[in-house]
Amino acid sequence: MELWNGRARHLLLFLVRNERCGLHADFTELTACVGGELDRHEGSAVHRRYFYITLLREPVSRYLSEYRHVKRGATWKGSRHWCQGRTASASEVPSCYNGDSWRGVTLEEFTACSWNLANNRQTRMLADLALVGCYNGTLRHRTADTDRVLLASAKRNLAAMAYFGLTEFQKISQYVFEETFNLRFAVPFTQHNATVSGATLAALSPAQVAQIKQLNSLDLELYDFAKGLMFKRFEALRKRDSDFEFRWRHLGEVAPRSGVTEFDWDSNLEDGTTEKYKGK
């Protein structure tokens, strides 16, 4: 498939290895950066078709995973936070700590920083930040209106992606990917139900869990939306697949099959880009 030919792989590795669009770039940064960087790399402007894909994780578990990562000394210092042609200023993205890292941070300290980038990270990274004045309207100057705009934008962008999966539903995510792109993985996706963040969650008090949910309320709504949309896509693909039972039993086994399920989410299925979801 053209998406995965040698040239496409080369260009993808060029972007990732050189961090040309920043470390862990968000959707706003990627869409503004990728085309220009690839043109510069190839020496000329080229018409390309981009396929954006992503994975979402249950927000409370994801937040706790990031907390533990930061506690071990991880930082996002390599991130540019690029939006509308410039990097966010220190006043727009202030640090929650002094020094080189936040190593050893307690959960209470982590949750107490109201402009912590971990809060609602998935919504912010999927939304068009330019709609709310970039980082000026997402961290220090958040309002109910900017939250509503960000969430609606994240839903639209997610629904318009060629593919997205959920870490809590590995088998379904694998099937949807394979059928969407007519590609086969040589191994099955592995479902890890016992995680470090899960052990951390089990040790929290109800008040701590409630606080984390409040800090990630946009991500929780986005995740519910994503889960409903992914199951809708899964059902649409399953019904069109005459070999579904065989395929479902043999995910991760590369073998020839009769028939190809070709799917274009833009034209074949009404989903989150319709009026039903706009403004929510």
C-alpha atoms as a PDB file:
ATOM      1  CA  MET A   1       0.000   0.000   0.000  1.00  0.00           C
ATOM      2  CA  GLU A   2       1.325   3.440  -0.858  1.00  0.00           C
ATOM      3  CA  LEU A   3       1.053   4.614   2.747  1.00  0.00           C
ATOM      4  CA  TRP A   4       3.755   2.150   3.794  1.00  0.00           C
ATOM      5  CA  ASN A   5       6.072   2.142   0.780  1.00  0.00           C
ATOM      6  CA  GLY A   6       9.808   2.723   1.167  1.00  0.00           C
ATOM      7  CA  ARG A   7       9.675   6.458   0.535  1.00  0.00           C
ATOM      8  CA  ALA A   8       6.915   6.972   3.093  1.00  0.00           C
ATOM      9  CA  ARG A   9       8.831   5.035   5.729  1.00  0.00           C
ATOM     10  CA  HIS A  10      11.979   7.039   4.975  1.00  0.00           C
ATOM     11  CA  LEU A  11      10.169  10.353   5.379  1.00  0.00           C
ATOM     12  CA  LEU A  12       8.504   9.249   8.600  1.00  0.00           C
ATOM     13  CA  LEU A  13      11.825   8.146  10.098  1.00  0.00           C
ATOM     14  CA  PHE A  14      13.383  11.449   9.018  1.00  0.00           C
ATOM     15  CA  LEU A  15      10.761  13.408  10.954  1.00  0.00           C
ATOM     16  CA  VAL A  16      10.857  11.221  14.052  1.00  0.00           C
ATOM     17  CA  ARG A  17      14.598  10.734  14.389  1.00  0.00           C
ATOM     18  CA  ASN A  18      15.403  14.382  13.851  1.00  0.00           C
ATOM     19  CA  GLU A  19      12.447  15.678  15.883  1.00  0.00           C
ATOM     20  CA  ARG A  20      11.826  18.180  13.091  1.00  0.00           C
ATOM     21  CA  CYS A  21       8.349  18.905  14.388  1.00  0.00           C
ATOM     22  CA  GLY A  22       9.323  18.859  18.050  1.00  0.00           C
ATOM     23  CA  LEU A  23       9.268  16.221  20.756  1.00  0.00           C
ATOM     24  CA  HIS A  24       5.823  14.618  21.100  1.00  0.00           C
ATOM     25  CA  ALA A  25       4.311  17.219  18.801  1.00  0.00           C
ATOM     26  CA  ASP A  26       0.571  17.769  19.118  1.00  0.00           C
ATOM     27  CA  PHE A  27      -1.957  17.918  16.283  1.00  0.00           C
ATOM     28  CA  THR A  28      -1.689  21.706  15.977  1.00  0.00           C
ATOM     29  CA  GLU A  29       2.068  21.531  15.577  1.00  0.00           C
ATOM     30  CA  LEU A  30       2.100  18.521  13.268  1.00  0.00           C
ATOM     31  CA  THR A  31      -0.397  19.884  10.779  1.00  0.00           C
ATOM     32  CA  ALA A  32       1.525  23.164  10.560  1.00  0.00           C
ATOM     33  CA  CYS A  33       4.948  21.536  10.361  1.00  0.00           C
ATOM     34  CA  VAL A  34       4.997  18.232   8.480  1.00  0.00           C
ATOM     35  CA  GLY A  35       4.412  19.480   4.934  1.00  0.00           C
ATOM     36  CA  GLY A  36       7.021  22.223   5.102  1.00  0.00           C
ATOM     37  CA  GLU A  37       9.651  20.038   6.734  1.00  0.00           C
ATOM     38  CA  LEU A  38       9.209  17.287   4.160  1.00  0.00           C
ATOM     39  CA  ASP A  39       9.379  19.819   1.314  1.00  0.00           C
ATOM     40  CA  ARG A  40      12.651  21.147   2.704  1.00  0.00           C
ATOM     41  CA  HIS A  41      14.001  17.636   3.089  1.00  0.00           C
ATOM     42  CA  GLU A  42      13.109  16.661  -0.472  1.00  0.00           C
ATOM     43  CA  GLY A  43      14.095  19.996  -1.951  1.00  0.00           C
ATOM     44  CA  SER A  44      10.759  20.765  -3.564  1.00  0.00           C
ATOM     45  CA  ALA A  45       7.061  21.058  -2.832  1.00  0.00           C
ATOM     46  CA  VAL A  46       5.266  17.738  -3.258  1.00  0.00           C
ATOM     47  CA  HIS A  47       1.572  16.984  -3.111  1.00  0.00           C
ATOM     48  CA  ARG A  48       1.053  14.349  -0.438  1.00  0.00           C
ATOM     49  CA  ARG A  49      -1.871  12.690   1.245  1.00  0.00           C
ATOM     50  CA  TYR A  50      -1.378  12.435   4.991  1.00  0.00           C
ATOM     51  CA  PHE A  51      -2.835   9.738   7.222  1.00  0.00           C
ATOM     52  CA  TYR A  52      -2.968  10.815  10.852  1.00  0.00           C
ATOM     53  CA  ILE A  53      -3.482   8.068  13.429  1.00  0.00           C
ATOM     54  CA  THR A  54      -3.414   8.023  17.229  1.00  0.00           C
ATOM     55  CA  LEU A  55      -4.049   5.906  20.300  1.00  0.00           C
ATOM     56  CA  LEU A  56      -6.029   7.055  23.319  1.00  0.00           C
ATOM     57  CA  ARG A  57      -5.838   5.726  26.851  1.00  0.00           C
ATOM     58  CA  GLU A  58      -8.322   5.774  29.714  1.00  0.00           C
ATOM     59  CA  PRO A  59      -7.650   9.249  31.174  1.00  0.00           C
ATOM     60  CA  VAL A  60      -7.175   8.455  34.866  1.00  0.00           C
ATOM     61  CA  SER A  61      -4.709   5.655  34.112  1.00  0.00           C
ATOM     62  CA  ARG A  62      -2.919   7.832  31.572  1.00  0.00           C
ATOM     63  CA  TYR A  63      -2.611  10.703  34.059  1.00  0.00           C
ATOM     64  CA  LEU A  64      -1.186   8.430  36.747  1.00  0.00           C
ATOM     65  CA  SER A  65       1.238   6.927  34.238  1.00  0.00           C
ATOM     66  CA  GLU A  66       2.522  10.391  33.351  1.00  0.00           C
ATOM     67  CA  TYR A  67       2.765  11.279  37.035  1.00  0.00           C
ATOM     68  CA  ARG A  68       4.978   8.251  37.695  1.00  0.00           C
ATOM     69  CA  HIS A  69       7.059   9.061  34.610  1.00  0.00           C
ATOM     70  CA  VAL A  70       7.641  12.623  35.846  1.00  0.00           C
ATOM     71  CA  LYS A  71       8.356  11.358  39.361  1.00  0.00           C
ATOM     72  CA  ARG A  72      11.194   9.281  37.897  1.00  0.00           C
ATOM     73  CA  GLY A  73      12.695  12.431  36.372  1.00  0.00           C
ATOM     74  CA  ALA A  74      11.112  12.686  32.932  1.00  0.00           C
ATOM     75  CA  THR A  75      10.445  16.143  31.463  1.00  0.00           C
ATOM     76  CA  TRP A  76       8.870  17.637  28.322  1.00  0.00           C
ATOM     77  CA  LYS A  77      11.696  20.123  27.828  1.00  0.00           C
ATOM     78  CA  GLY A  78      12.186  19.049  24.227  1.00  0.00           C
ATOM     79  CA  SER A  79       8.629  20.036  23.312  1.00  0.00           C
ATOM     80  CA  ARG A  80       8.264  23.296  21.374  1.00  0.00           C
ATOM     81  CA  HIS A  81       4.569  23.962  22.032  1.00  0.00           C
ATOM     82  CA  TRP A  82       4.396  25.562  18.594  1.00  0.00           C
ATOM     83  CA  CYS A  83       1.214  27.330  17.529  1.00  0.00           C
ATOM     84  CA  GLN A  84       0.424  29.973  14.906  1.00  0.00           C
ATOM     85  CA  GLY A  85       4.042  30.359  13.877  1.00  0.00           C
ATOM     86  CA  ARG A  86       5.685  30.720  17.271  1.00  0.00           C
ATOM     87  CA  THR A  87       6.709  28.826  20.388  1.00  0.00           C
ATOM     88  CA  ALA A  88       4.599  29.396  23.475  1.00  0.00           C
ATOM     89  CA  SER A  89       6.129  31.831  25.932  1.00  0.00           C
ATOM     90  CA  ALA A  90       7.157  30.966  29.481  1.00  0.00           C
ATOM     91  CA  SER A  91       4.182  32.904  30.784  1.00  0.00           C
ATOM     92  CA  GLU A  92       1.814  30.851  28.600  1.00  0.00           C
ATOM     93  CA  VAL A  93       3.392  27.513  29.564  1.00  0.00           C
ATOM     94  CA  PRO A  94       4.941  28.111  32.995  1.00  0.00           C
ATOM     95  CA  SER A  95       6.863  25.387  34.778  1.00  0.00           C
ATOM     96  CA  CYS A  96       5.328  23.613  37.753  1.00  0.00           C
ATOM     97  CA  TYR A  97       8.733  23.152  39.407  1.00  0.00           C
ATOM     98  CA  ASN A  98      12.172  24.680  39.832  1.00  0.00           C
ATOM     99  CA  GLY A  99      15.344  22.940  38.748  1.00  0.00           C
ATOM    100  CA  ASP A 100      16.084  20.420  36.023  1.00  0.00           C
ATOM    101  CA  SER A 101      13.206  18.053  36.745  1.00  0.00           C
ATOM    102  CA  TRP A 102      10.337  17.266  39.082  1.00  0.00           C
ATOM    103  CA  ARG A 103      11.932  14.041  40.286  1.00  0.00           C
ATOM    104  CA  GLY A 104      10.355  12.721  43.475  1.00  0.00           C
ATOM    105  CA  VAL A 105       7.203  14.833  43.136  1.00  0.00           C
ATOM    106  CA  THR A 106       4.280  13.706  45.276  1.00  0.00           C
ATOM    107  CA  LEU A 107       0.846  13.196  43.772  1.00  0.00           C
ATOM    108  CA  GLU A 108      -0.456  16.080  45.880  1.00  0.00           C
ATOM    109  CA  GLU A 109       2.180  18.406  44.399  1.00  0.00           C
ATOM    110  CA  PHE A 110       1.526  17.097  40.894  1.00  0.00           C
ATOM    111  CA  THR A 111      -2.218  17.720  41.061  1.00  0.00           C
ATOM    112  CA  ALA A 112      -1.837  21.080  42.803  1.00  0.00           C
ATOM    113  CA  CYS A 113      -0.247  22.752  39.752  1.00  0.00           C
ATOM    114  CA  SER A 114      -3.283  24.083  37.922  1.00  0.00           C
ATOM    115  CA  TRP A 115      -1.347  24.640  34.668  1.00  0.00           C
ATOM    116  CA  ASN A 116       0.194  21.157  34.662  1.00  0.00           C
ATOM    117  CA  LEU A 117       0.409  19.983  31.041  1.00  0.00           C
ATOM    118  CA  ALA A 118      -0.693  16.520  32.179  1.00  0.00           C
ATOM    119  CA  ASN A 119      -4.218  17.840  32.778  1.00  0.00           C
ATOM    120  CA  ASN A 120      -6.501  17.020  29.835  1.00  0.00           C
ATOM    121  CA  ARG A 121      -3.417  16.267  27.749  1.00  0.00           C
ATOM    122  CA  GLN A 122      -5.221  14.113  25.185  1.00  0.00           C
ATOM    123  CA  THR A 123      -7.852  16.758  24.437  1.00  0.00           C
ATOM    124  CA  ARG A 124      -5.272  19.518  24.141  1.00  0.00           C
ATOM    125  CA  MET A 125      -2.997  17.461  21.900  1.00  0.00           C
ATOM    126  CA  LEU A 126      -5.821  16.572  19.512  1.00  0.00           C
ATOM    127  CA  ALA A 127      -7.483  19.990  19.318  1.00  0.00           C
ATOM    128  CA  ASP A 128      -6.687  22.948  17.076  1.00  0.00           C
ATOM    129  CA  LEU A 129      -5.215  25.256  19.699  1.00  0.00           C
ATOM    130  CA  ALA A 130      -5.356  28.246  17.394  1.00  0.00           C
ATOM    131  CA  LEU A 131      -9.119  28.312  17.977  1.00  0.00           C
ATOM    132  CA  VAL A 132      -8.571  29.495  21.560  1.00  0.00           C
ATOM    133  CA  GLY A 133      -5.486  31.662  21.142  1.00  0.00           C
ATOM    134  CA  CYS A 134      -3.000  28.803  21.430  1.00  0.00           C
ATOM    135  CA  TYR A 135      -1.610  28.040  24.890  1.00  0.00           C
ATOM    136  CA  ASN A 136      -2.778  31.365  26.230  1.00  0.00           C
ATOM    137  CA  GLY A 137      -6.308  29.976  26.223  1.00  0.00           C
ATOM    138  CA  THR A 138      -5.592  26.411  27.333  1.00  0.00           C
ATOM    139  CA  LEU A 139      -3.595  26.673  30.579  1.00  0.00           C
ATOM    140  CA  ARG A 140      -3.434  29.950  32.526  1.00  0.00           C
ATOM    141  CA  HIS A 141      -6.557  31.548  31.044  1.00  0.00           C
ATOM    142  CA  ARG A 142      -8.943  28.611  30.676  1.00  0.00           C
ATOM    143  CA  THR A 143     -12.668  29.297  30.643  1.00  0.00           C
ATOM    144  CA  ALA A 144     -15.766  27.206  30.150  1.00  0.00           C
ATOM    145  CA  ASP A 145     -15.959  28.546  26.593  1.00  0.00           C
ATOM    146  CA  THR A 146     -12.377  27.646  25.682  1.00  0.00           C
ATOM    147  CA  ASP A 147     -12.864  24.184  27.177  1.00  0.00           C
ATOM    148  CA  ARG A 148     -15.981  23.678  25.066  1.00  0.00           C
ATOM    149  CA  VAL A 149     -14.180  24.786  21.899  1.00  0.00           C
ATOM    150  CA  LEU A 150     -11.148  22.580  22.604  1.00  0.00           C
ATOM    151  CA  LEU A 151     -13.251  19.512  23.278  1.00  0.00           C
ATOM    152  CA  ALA A 152     -15.357  19.995  20.156  1.00  0.00           C
ATOM    153  CA  SER A 153     -12.217  20.476  18.065  1.00  0.00           C
ATOM    154  CA  ALA A 154     -10.560  17.361  19.542  1.00  0.00           C
ATOM    155  CA  LYS A 155     -13.653  15.292  18.734  1.00  0.00           C
ATOM    156  CA  ARG A 156     -13.760  16.550  15.167  1.00  0.00           C
ATOM    157  CA  ASN A 157     -10.067  15.927  14.576  1.00  0.00           C
ATOM    158  CA  LEU A 158     -10.220  12.467  16.116  1.00  0.00           C
ATOM    159  CA  ALA A 159     -13.233  11.490  14.025  1.00  0.00           C
ATOM    160  CA  ALA A 160     -11.540  12.741  10.856  1.00  0.00           C
ATOM    161  CA  MET A 161      -8.385  10.688  11.417  1.00  0.00           C
ATOM    162  CA  ALA A 162      -7.763   7.699   9.206  1.00  0.00           C
ATOM    163  CA  TYR A 163      -7.518   5.541  12.314  1.00  0.00           C
ATOM    164  CA  PHE A 164      -7.438   5.683  16.078  1.00  0.00           C
ATOM    165  CA  GLY A 165      -7.322   2.942  18.681  1.00  0.00           C
ATOM    166  CA  LEU A 166      -7.814   2.554  22.422  1.00  0.00           C
ATOM    167  CA  THR A 167      -5.205   0.887  24.604  1.00  0.00           C
ATOM    168  CA  GLU A 168      -7.909  -0.804  26.679  1.00  0.00           C
ATOM    169  CA  PHE A 169      -9.306  -2.569  23.577  1.00  0.00           C
ATOM    170  CA  GLN A 170      -6.242  -3.981  21.841  1.00  0.00           C
ATOM    171  CA  LYS A 171      -7.940  -6.697  19.808  1.00  0.00           C
ATOM    172  CA  ILE A 172     -10.636  -4.411  18.449  1.00  0.00           C
ATOM    173  CA  SER A 173      -8.024  -1.723  17.761  1.00  0.00           C
ATOM    174  CA  GLN A 174      -5.931  -4.213  15.791  1.00  0.00           C
ATOM    175  CA  TYR A 175      -8.882  -5.428  13.741  1.00  0.00           C
ATOM    176  CA  VAL A 176     -10.007  -1.889  12.896  1.00  0.00           C
ATOM    177  CA  PHE A 177      -6.469  -0.937  11.834  1.00  0.00           C
ATOM    178  CA  GLU A 178      -6.002  -4.008   9.647  1.00  0.00           C
ATOM    179  CA  GLU A 179      -9.354  -3.654   7.938  1.00  0.00           C
ATOM    180  CA  THR A 180      -9.073   0.104   7.470  1.00  0.00           C
ATOM    181  CA  PHE A 181      -5.670  -0.071   5.772  1.00  0.00           C
ATOM    182  CA  ASN A 182      -5.867  -3.624   4.363  1.00  0.00           C
ATOM    183  CA  LEU A 183      -2.674  -4.513   6.239  1.00  0.00           C
ATOM    184  CA  ARG A 184      -1.897  -7.472   8.477  1.00  0.00           C
ATOM    185  CA  PHE A 185       0.233  -7.569  11.608  1.00  0.00           C
ATOM    186  CA  ALA A 186       2.419 -10.633  12.042  1.00  0.00           C
ATOM    187  CA  VAL A 187       1.701 -10.762  15.793  1.00  0.00           C
ATOM    188  CA  PRO A 188      -1.445 -10.077  17.825  1.00  0.00           C
ATOM    189  CA  PHE A 189      -1.699  -6.928  19.909  1.00  0.00           C
ATOM    190  CA  THR A 190      -1.159  -7.721  23.600  1.00  0.00           C
ATOM    191  CA  GLN A 191      -3.649  -6.622  26.233  1.00  0.00           C
ATOM    192  CA  HIS A 192      -1.943  -5.677  29.521  1.00  0.00           C
ATOM    193  CA  ASN A 193      -4.709  -5.354  32.084  1.00  0.00           C
ATOM    194  CA  ALA A 194      -2.314  -5.135  35.040  1.00  0.00           C
ATOM    195  CA  THR A 195      -0.271  -1.911  34.826  1.00  0.00           C
ATOM    196  CA  VAL A 196       1.807   0.166  37.206  1.00  0.00           C
ATOM    197  CA  SER A 197      -0.714   2.985  36.974  1.00  0.00           C
ATOM    198  CA  GLY A 198      -3.431   0.470  37.866  1.00  0.00           C
ATOM    199  CA  ALA A 199      -1.590  -0.425  41.062  1.00  0.00           C
ATOM    200  CA  THR A 200      -1.207   3.279  41.831  1.00  0.00           C
ATOM    201  CA  LEU A 201      -4.912   3.859  41.255  1.00  0.00           C
ATOM    202  CA  ALA A 202      -5.846   1.051  43.624  1.00  0.00           C
ATOM    203  CA  ALA A 203      -3.929   2.787  46.415  1.00  0.00           C
ATOM    204  CA  LEU A 204      -5.675   6.155  46.021  1.00  0.00           C
ATOM    205  CA  SER A 205      -8.467   7.488  48.166  1.00  0.00           C
ATOM    206  CA  PRO A 206     -11.871   8.296  46.638  1.00  0.00           C
ATOM    207  CA  ALA A 207     -11.088  12.000  47.078  1.00  0.00           C
ATOM    208  CA  GLN A 208      -7.841  11.670  45.128  1.00  0.00           C
ATOM    209  CA  VAL A 209      -9.568   9.801  42.299  1.00  0.00           C
ATOM    210  CA  ALA A 210     -12.309  12.439  42.189  1.00  0.00           C
ATOM    211  CA  GLN A 211      -9.711  15.211  41.956  1.00  0.00           C
ATOM    212  CA  ILE A 212      -7.903  13.497  39.081  1.00  0.00           C
ATOM    213  CA  LYS A 213     -11.198  13.054  37.248  1.00  0.00           C
ATOM    214  CA  GLN A 214     -12.022  16.723  37.751  1.00  0.00           C
ATOM    215  CA  LEU A 215      -8.606  17.752  36.405  1.00  0.00           C
ATOM    216  CA  ASN A 216      -9.157  15.550  33.348  1.00  0.00           C
ATOM    217  CA  SER A 217     -12.860  16.102  32.759  1.00  0.00           C
ATOM    218  CA  LEU A 218     -12.337  17.005  29.085  1.00  0.00           C
ATOM    219  CA  ASP A 219     -10.269  13.879  28.487  1.00  0.00           C
ATOM    220  CA  LEU A 220     -12.927  11.730  30.151  1.00  0.00           C
ATOM    221  CA  GLU A 221     -15.596  13.099  27.814  1.00  0.00           C
ATOM    222  CA  LEU A 222     -13.301  12.734  24.821  1.00  0.00           C
ATOM    223  CA  TYR A 223     -12.546   9.136  25.762  1.00  0.00           C
ATOM    224  CA  ASP A 224     -16.258   8.282  26.059  1.00  0.00           C
ATOM    225  CA  PHE A 225     -16.796   9.802  22.629  1.00  0.00           C
ATOM    226  CA  ALA A 226     -13.838   7.883  21.197  1.00  0.00           C
ATOM    227  CA  LYS A 227     -15.010   4.601  22.674  1.00  0.00           C
ATOM    228  CA  GLY A 228     -18.471   4.984  21.184  1.00  0.00           C
ATOM    229  CA  LEU A 229     -17.057   5.954  17.797  1.00  0.00           C
ATOM    230  CA  MET A 230     -14.537   3.108  17.716  1.00  0.00           C
ATOM    231  CA  PHE A 231     -17.186   0.510  18.501  1.00  0.00           C
ATOM    232  CA  LYS A 232     -19.358   2.012  15.795  1.00  0.00           C
ATOM    233  CA  ARG A 233     -16.531   1.678  13.291  1.00  0.00           C
ATOM    234  CA  PHE A 234     -15.785  -1.842  14.480  1.00  0.00           C
ATOM    235  CA  GLU A 235     -19.400  -2.889  13.940  1.00  0.00           C
ATOM    236  CA  ALA A 236     -19.465  -1.299  10.484  1.00  0.00           C
ATOM    237  CA  LEU A 237     -16.327  -3.194   9.460  1.00  0.00           C
ATOM    238  CA  ARG A 238     -17.478  -6.441  11.025  1.00  0.00           C
ATOM    239  CA  LYS A 239     -20.759  -6.383   9.123  1.00  0.00           C
ATOM    240  CA  ARG A 240     -18.947  -5.795   5.827  1.00  0.00           C
ATOM    241  CA  ASP A 241     -16.416  -8.565   6.431  1.00  0.00           C
ATOM    242  CA  SER A 242     -17.624 -11.936   5.145  1.00  0.00           C
ATOM    243  CA  ASP A 243     -14.589 -13.578   6.786  1.00  0.00           C
ATOM    244  CA  PHE A 244     -15.048 -11.919  10.169  1.00  0.00           C
ATOM    245  CA  GLU A 245     -15.205 -15.044  12.346  1.00  0.00           C
ATOM    246  CA  PHE A 246     -12.050 -16.452  10.786  1.00  0.00           C
ATOM    247  CA  ARG A 247     -10.260 -13.101  10.927  1.00  0.00           C
ATOM    248  CA  TRP A 248     -11.216 -12.533  14.563  1.00  0.00           C
ATOM    249  CA  ARG A 249      -9.851 -15.935  15.579  1.00  0.00           C
ATOM    250  CA  HIS A 250      -6.609 -15.453  13.667  1.00  0.00           C
ATOM    251  CA  LEU A 251      -5.596 -11.844  14.305  1.00  0.00           C
ATOM    252  CA  GLY A 252      -1.829 -11.605  14.230  1.00  0.00           C
ATOM    253  CA  GLU A 253      -1.443 -14.451  11.781  1.00  0.00           C
ATOM    254  CA  VAL A 254      -0.420 -13.322   8.308  1.00  0.00           C
ATOM    255  CA  ALA A 255      -2.303 -15.422   5.776  1.00  0.00           C
ATOM    256  CA  PRO A 256      -3.955 -14.871   2.379  1.00  0.00           C
ATOM    257  CA  ARG A 257      -7.680 -14.234   2.350  1.00  0.00           C
ATOM    258  CA  SER A 258     -10.387 -13.780  -0.207  1.00  0.00           C
ATOM    259  CA  GLY A 259     -11.924 -10.360  -0.567  1.00  0.00           C
ATOM    260  CA  VAL A 260     -10.664  -7.011   0.645  1.00  0.00           C
ATOM    261  CA  THR A 261     -12.473  -4.691   2.992  1.00  0.00           C
ATOM    262  CA  GLU A 262     -11.821  -1.205   1.691  1.00  0.00           C
ATOM    263  CA  PHE A 263     -13.168   1.525   3.898  1.00  0.00           C
ATOM    264  CA  ASP A 264     -13.243   5.296   3.639  1.00  0.00           C
ATOM    265  CA  TRP A 265     -14.593   6.837   6.814  1.00  0.00           C
ATOM    266  CA  ASP A 266     -15.345  10.113   5.078  1.00  0.00           C
ATOM    267  CA  SER A 267     -17.856   8.643   2.655  1.00  0.00           C
ATOM    268  CA  ASN A 268     -19.026   5.310   4.069  1.00  0.00           C
ATOM    269  CA  LEU A 269     -20.001   5.959   7.638  1.00  0.00           C
ATOM    270  CA  GLU A 270     -21.708   8.781   9.472  1.00  0.00           C
ATOM    271  CA  ASP A 271     -19.616   9.431  12.557  1.00  0.00           C
ATOM    272  CA  GLY A 272     -18.372  12.217  14.825  1.00  0.00           C
ATOM    273  CA  THR A 273     -17.867  14.755  12.049  1.00  0.00           C
ATOM    274  CA  THR A 274     -21.612  15.123  11.503  1.00  0.00           C
ATOM    275  CA  GLU A 275     -23.838  17.840  12.880  1.00  0.00           C
ATOM    276  CA  LYS A 276     -24.872  15.494  15.670  1.00  0.00           C
ATOM    277  CA  TYR A 277     -21.574  16.117  17.443  1.00  0.00           C
ATOM    278  CA  LYS A 278     -20.756  19.671  16.494  1.00  0.00           C
ATOM    279  CA  GLY A 279     -20.672  22.156  19.328  1.00  0.00           C
ATOM    280  CA  LYS A 280     -20.567  19.471  21.989  1.00  0.00           C
END
